[in-house]
Protein backbone atom coordinates (compact mmCIF):
# COMPACT_ATOMS: atom_id res chain seq x y z
CA UNK A 1 -22.18 3.92 -0.44
CA UNK A 2 -24.49 6.60 0.80
CA UNK A 3 -28.23 6.06 0.37
CA UNK A 4 -30.14 8.29 -2.03
CA UNK A 5 -30.90 11.71 -0.59
CA UNK A 6 -28.35 11.32 2.18
CA UNK A 7 -26.23 14.37 1.32
CA UNK A 8 -26.47 15.79 4.84
CA UNK A 9 -24.53 12.90 6.38
CA UNK A 10 -21.67 15.07 7.62
CA UNK A 11 -24.02 17.48 9.37
CA UNK A 12 -25.99 14.60 10.91
CA UNK A 13 -22.81 12.94 12.14
CA UNK A 14 -21.71 16.17 13.80
CA UNK A 15 -25.17 16.45 15.33
CA UNK A 16 -24.54 13.19 17.18
CA UNK A 17 -21.83 14.97 19.12
CA UNK A 18 -23.97 18.03 19.82
CA UNK A 19 -26.39 18.79 22.63
CA UNK A 20 -29.33 17.83 20.38
CA UNK A 21 -28.56 14.46 18.76
CA UNK A 22 -32.23 13.44 18.52
CA UNK A 23 -32.83 14.55 14.88
CA UNK A 24 -29.80 12.57 13.73
CA UNK A 25 -31.00 9.48 15.60
CA UNK A 26 -34.39 9.78 13.92
CA UNK A 27 -32.74 9.85 10.48
CA UNK A 28 -30.38 6.95 11.18
CA UNK A 29 -33.22 4.92 12.65
CA UNK A 30 -35.11 5.46 9.40
CA UNK A 31 -32.29 4.53 7.02
CA UNK A 32 -31.27 1.44 9.02
CA UNK A 33 -28.34 -0.57 7.69
CA UNK A 34 -27.50 2.14 5.13
CA UNK A 35 -25.96 3.97 8.10
CA UNK A 36 -23.96 0.97 9.31
CA UNK A 37 -20.65 2.74 8.70
CA UNK A 38 -21.71 5.30 11.34
CA UNK A 39 -22.03 2.66 14.03
CA UNK A 40 -18.93 3.88 15.94
CA UNK A 41 -20.33 7.41 16.08
CA UNK A 42 -23.65 6.17 17.42
CA UNK A 43 -21.94 3.93 19.98
CA UNK A 44 -19.84 6.90 21.10
CA UNK A 45 -23.06 8.79 21.84
CA UNK A 46 -24.28 5.85 23.94
CA UNK A 47 -21.07 6.01 26.00
CA UNK A 48 -21.06 9.75 26.72
CA UNK A 49 -24.71 10.79 27.04
CA UNK A 50 -25.97 11.26 30.60
CA UNK A 51 -29.65 10.78 29.74
CA UNK A 52 -30.68 7.12 30.20
CA UNK A 53 -33.63 7.34 27.81
CA UNK A 54 -31.47 8.94 25.12
CA UNK A 55 -28.78 6.31 25.70
CA UNK A 56 -31.35 3.56 25.21
CA UNK A 57 -32.61 5.18 22.02
CA UNK A 58 -29.08 5.50 20.69
CA UNK A 59 -28.33 1.87 21.60
CA UNK A 60 -31.45 0.76 19.76
CA UNK A 61 -30.45 2.76 16.69
CA UNK A 62 -26.95 1.28 16.89
CA UNK A 63 -28.48 -2.20 16.84
CA UNK A 64 -30.72 -1.30 13.90
CA UNK A 65 -27.92 0.05 11.74
CA UNK A 66 -25.18 -2.45 12.63
CA UNK A 67 -27.11 -5.60 13.54
CA UNK A 68 -24.91 -5.89 16.66
CA UNK A 69 -27.04 -6.44 19.78
CA UNK A 70 -24.22 -6.19 22.33
CA UNK A 71 -24.48 -2.45 23.04
CA UNK A 72 -28.26 -2.61 23.33
CA UNK A 73 -28.07 -5.56 25.73
CA UNK A 74 -25.49 -3.70 27.82
CA UNK A 75 -27.69 -0.59 28.13
CA UNK A 76 -30.80 -2.61 28.96
CA UNK A 77 -28.91 -4.60 31.59
CA UNK A 78 -27.80 -1.36 33.21
CA UNK A 79 -31.33 0.01 33.52
CA UNK A 80 -33.77 -0.84 36.25
CA UNK A 81 -37.49 -1.21 35.76
CA UNK A 82 -39.00 1.44 33.48
CA UNK A 83 -40.30 4.36 35.50
CA UNK A 84 -42.55 6.02 32.94
CA UNK A 85 -44.39 5.19 29.73
CA UNK A 86 -41.54 6.42 27.52
CA UNK A 87 -39.17 3.89 29.02
CA UNK A 88 -41.75 1.08 28.96
CA UNK A 89 -42.41 1.83 25.29
CA UNK A 90 -38.68 1.98 24.54
CA UNK A 91 -38.20 -1.37 26.31
CA UNK A 92 -40.78 -2.97 24.02
CA UNK A 93 -39.24 -1.53 20.88
CA UNK A 94 -35.80 -2.60 22.05
CA UNK A 95 -36.97 -6.12 22.92
CA UNK A 96 -38.17 -6.58 19.33
CA UNK A 97 -34.52 -6.40 18.21
CA UNK A 98 -33.31 -9.09 20.62
CA UNK A 99 -33.30 -12.86 20.35
CA UNK A 100 -36.39 -14.54 21.87
CA UNK A 101 -34.60 -15.75 25.00
CA UNK A 102 -33.32 -12.24 25.72
CA UNK A 103 -36.60 -10.60 24.74
CA UNK A 104 -38.80 -12.17 27.41
CA UNK A 105 -37.24 -10.57 30.52
CA UNK A 106 -37.22 -7.13 28.88
CA UNK A 107 -40.90 -7.44 28.02
CA UNK A 108 -41.61 -8.65 31.56
CA UNK A 109 -40.16 -5.41 32.92
CA UNK A 110 -42.36 -3.36 30.59
CA UNK A 111 -45.42 -5.42 31.53
CA UNK A 112 -44.77 -4.86 35.23
CA UNK A 113 -44.80 -1.11 34.65
CA UNK A 114 -48.22 -1.39 32.98
CA UNK A 115 -49.63 -3.45 35.85
CA UNK A 116 -48.22 -1.04 38.43
CA UNK A 117 -49.54 2.06 36.67
CA UNK A 118 -53.20 1.56 35.89
CA UNK A 119 -53.72 5.33 35.90
CA UNK A 120 -51.51 5.50 32.78
CA UNK A 121 -53.48 3.04 30.67
CA UNK A 122 -55.00 5.85 28.62
CA UNK A 123 -51.61 7.14 27.51
CA UNK A 124 -50.22 6.90 24.01
CA UNK A 125 -47.99 3.86 23.53
CA UNK A 126 -49.56 1.68 26.22
CA UNK A 127 -51.70 -0.38 23.78
CA UNK A 128 -48.58 -1.18 21.78
CA UNK A 129 -46.76 -2.17 24.97
CA UNK A 130 -49.39 -4.66 26.14
CA UNK A 131 -49.89 -6.26 22.73
CA UNK A 132 -46.13 -6.87 22.52
CA UNK A 133 -46.03 -8.30 26.05
CA UNK A 134 -48.55 -10.96 25.10
CA UNK A 135 -50.81 -11.25 28.17
CA UNK A 136 -54.27 -11.35 26.59
CA UNK A 137 -56.21 -10.58 29.77
CA UNK A 138 -54.09 -7.52 30.51
CA UNK A 139 -54.24 -6.41 26.88
CA UNK A 140 -58.05 -6.57 26.80
CA UNK A 141 -58.29 -4.56 30.03
CA UNK A 142 -55.96 -1.84 28.71
CA UNK A 143 -57.69 -1.68 25.33
CA UNK A 144 -61.13 -1.40 26.95
CA UNK A 145 -59.83 1.49 29.03
CA UNK A 146 -58.34 3.22 25.98
CA UNK A 147 -61.47 2.77 23.85
CA UNK A 148 -63.57 4.32 26.64
CA UNK A 149 -61.45 7.50 26.58
CA UNK A 150 -62.78 9.51 23.60
CA UNK A 151 -61.16 12.72 24.81
CA UNK A 152 -57.78 11.51 23.59
CA UNK A 153 -58.31 10.33 20.05
CA UNK A 154 -54.72 9.35 19.12
CA UNK A 155 -54.89 6.70 21.86
CA UNK A 156 -58.24 5.47 20.50
CA UNK A 157 -56.67 5.09 17.07
CA UNK A 158 -53.74 3.16 18.52
CA UNK A 159 -56.11 0.97 20.57
CA UNK A 160 -58.20 0.12 17.51
CA UNK A 161 -55.08 -0.91 15.62
CA UNK A 162 -54.11 -3.06 18.60
CA UNK A 163 -57.56 -4.69 18.54
CA UNK A 164 -57.02 -5.53 14.88
CA UNK A 165 -53.64 -7.05 15.71
CA UNK A 166 -55.13 -9.09 18.56
CA UNK A 167 -57.95 -10.43 16.37
CA UNK A 168 -60.66 -12.87 17.61
CA UNK A 169 -59.53 -12.83 21.27
CA UNK A 170 -60.73 -9.20 21.31
CA UNK A 171 -64.34 -10.09 20.43
CA UNK A 172 -65.53 -8.82 23.82
CA UNK A 173 -64.52 -5.32 22.71
CA UNK A 174 -66.86 -5.40 19.69
CA UNK A 175 -69.55 -3.12 21.25
CA UNK A 176 -66.94 -0.46 21.99
CA UNK A 177 -65.54 -0.67 18.46
CA UNK A 178 -69.04 -0.41 16.98
CA UNK A 179 -69.76 2.67 19.09
CA UNK A 180 -66.65 4.34 17.73
CA UNK A 181 -67.60 3.42 14.19
CA UNK A 182 -71.05 4.99 14.59
CA UNK A 183 -69.86 8.32 15.92
CA UNK A 184 -68.88 11.17 13.62
CA UNK A 185 -66.95 13.92 15.37
CA UNK A 186 -67.01 16.04 12.22
CA UNK A 187 -70.71 16.70 12.87
CA UNK A 188 -70.35 17.51 16.56
CA UNK A 189 -66.86 18.94 17.00
CA UNK A 190 -65.80 20.89 13.89
CA UNK A 191 -62.27 21.63 15.09
CA UNK A 192 -60.51 21.75 11.74
CA UNK A 193 -58.95 19.54 9.10
CA UNK A 194 -56.79 17.59 11.56
CA UNK A 195 -59.89 16.47 13.47
CA UNK A 196 -61.61 15.41 10.25
CA UNK A 197 -58.60 13.39 9.12
CA UNK A 198 -58.24 11.75 12.53
CA UNK A 199 -61.94 10.86 12.62
CA UNK A 200 -61.66 9.25 9.18
CA UNK A 201 -58.63 7.29 10.42
CA UNK A 202 -60.57 6.13 13.47
CA UNK A 203 -63.49 4.98 11.30
CA UNK A 204 -61.16 3.05 9.00
CA UNK A 205 -59.33 1.51 11.98
CA UNK A 206 -62.66 0.53 13.56
CA UNK A 207 -63.67 -1.30 10.38
CA UNK A 208 -60.32 -3.09 10.30
CA UNK A 209 -60.74 -4.04 13.98
CA UNK A 210 -64.23 -5.45 13.39
CA UNK A 211 -63.02 -7.49 10.44
CA UNK A 212 -60.13 -8.85 12.51
CA UNK A 213 -62.40 -9.74 15.44
CA UNK A 214 -64.95 -11.48 13.23
CA UNK A 215 -63.63 -12.02 9.69
CA UNK A 216 -66.33 -11.62 7.06
CA UNK A 217 -68.80 -8.90 6.06
CA UNK A 218 -68.72 -6.09 8.62
CA UNK A 219 -72.04 -5.13 10.21
CA UNK A 220 -72.84 -2.09 12.29
CA UNK A 221 -75.60 -3.88 14.14
């Protein structure tokens, strides 16, 4: 049975065989097991695509829709260490679908990329990578770096959410979180609605982070 609102299935299936399968993968990733009957089509894309990152994405989607981890394991085994943040991020998201014993070595490869690429710690996705990898000392170092980089606000937002996920072990980052809570970019950088919305999101995420670090009434002192 097709999920509600899934009338474009034929077009999306054909898109898998086109030069631009990414939109179809995004849709199938979102609907999950409702697209299980399309597993063979997605696996076929894994087999023919000559882009390793796209193959990994397709293998991850195949696992999500079918529940079968074999294709994803095969693709991961065929890849070396991640060579950029996209691959490291994809490794982490793929590892989440594996059994714990299989997950650890995949996360270790992503963690090695982070350690070897300190100059990339301010990039989007890196906070999520280090939280998933589980090394608290490395995570705190990356999050401190990200919170000190106000020129790239989406990373700050991601870092604050990672602080909230980490909880009390991130108490040393409290002064940085407070500083972000106190600032108001709407008063100093009126760059449009998107900036206002992002600043509100940062303020809300900072409050959540403070409450996670030190549960109880939040203070700006």
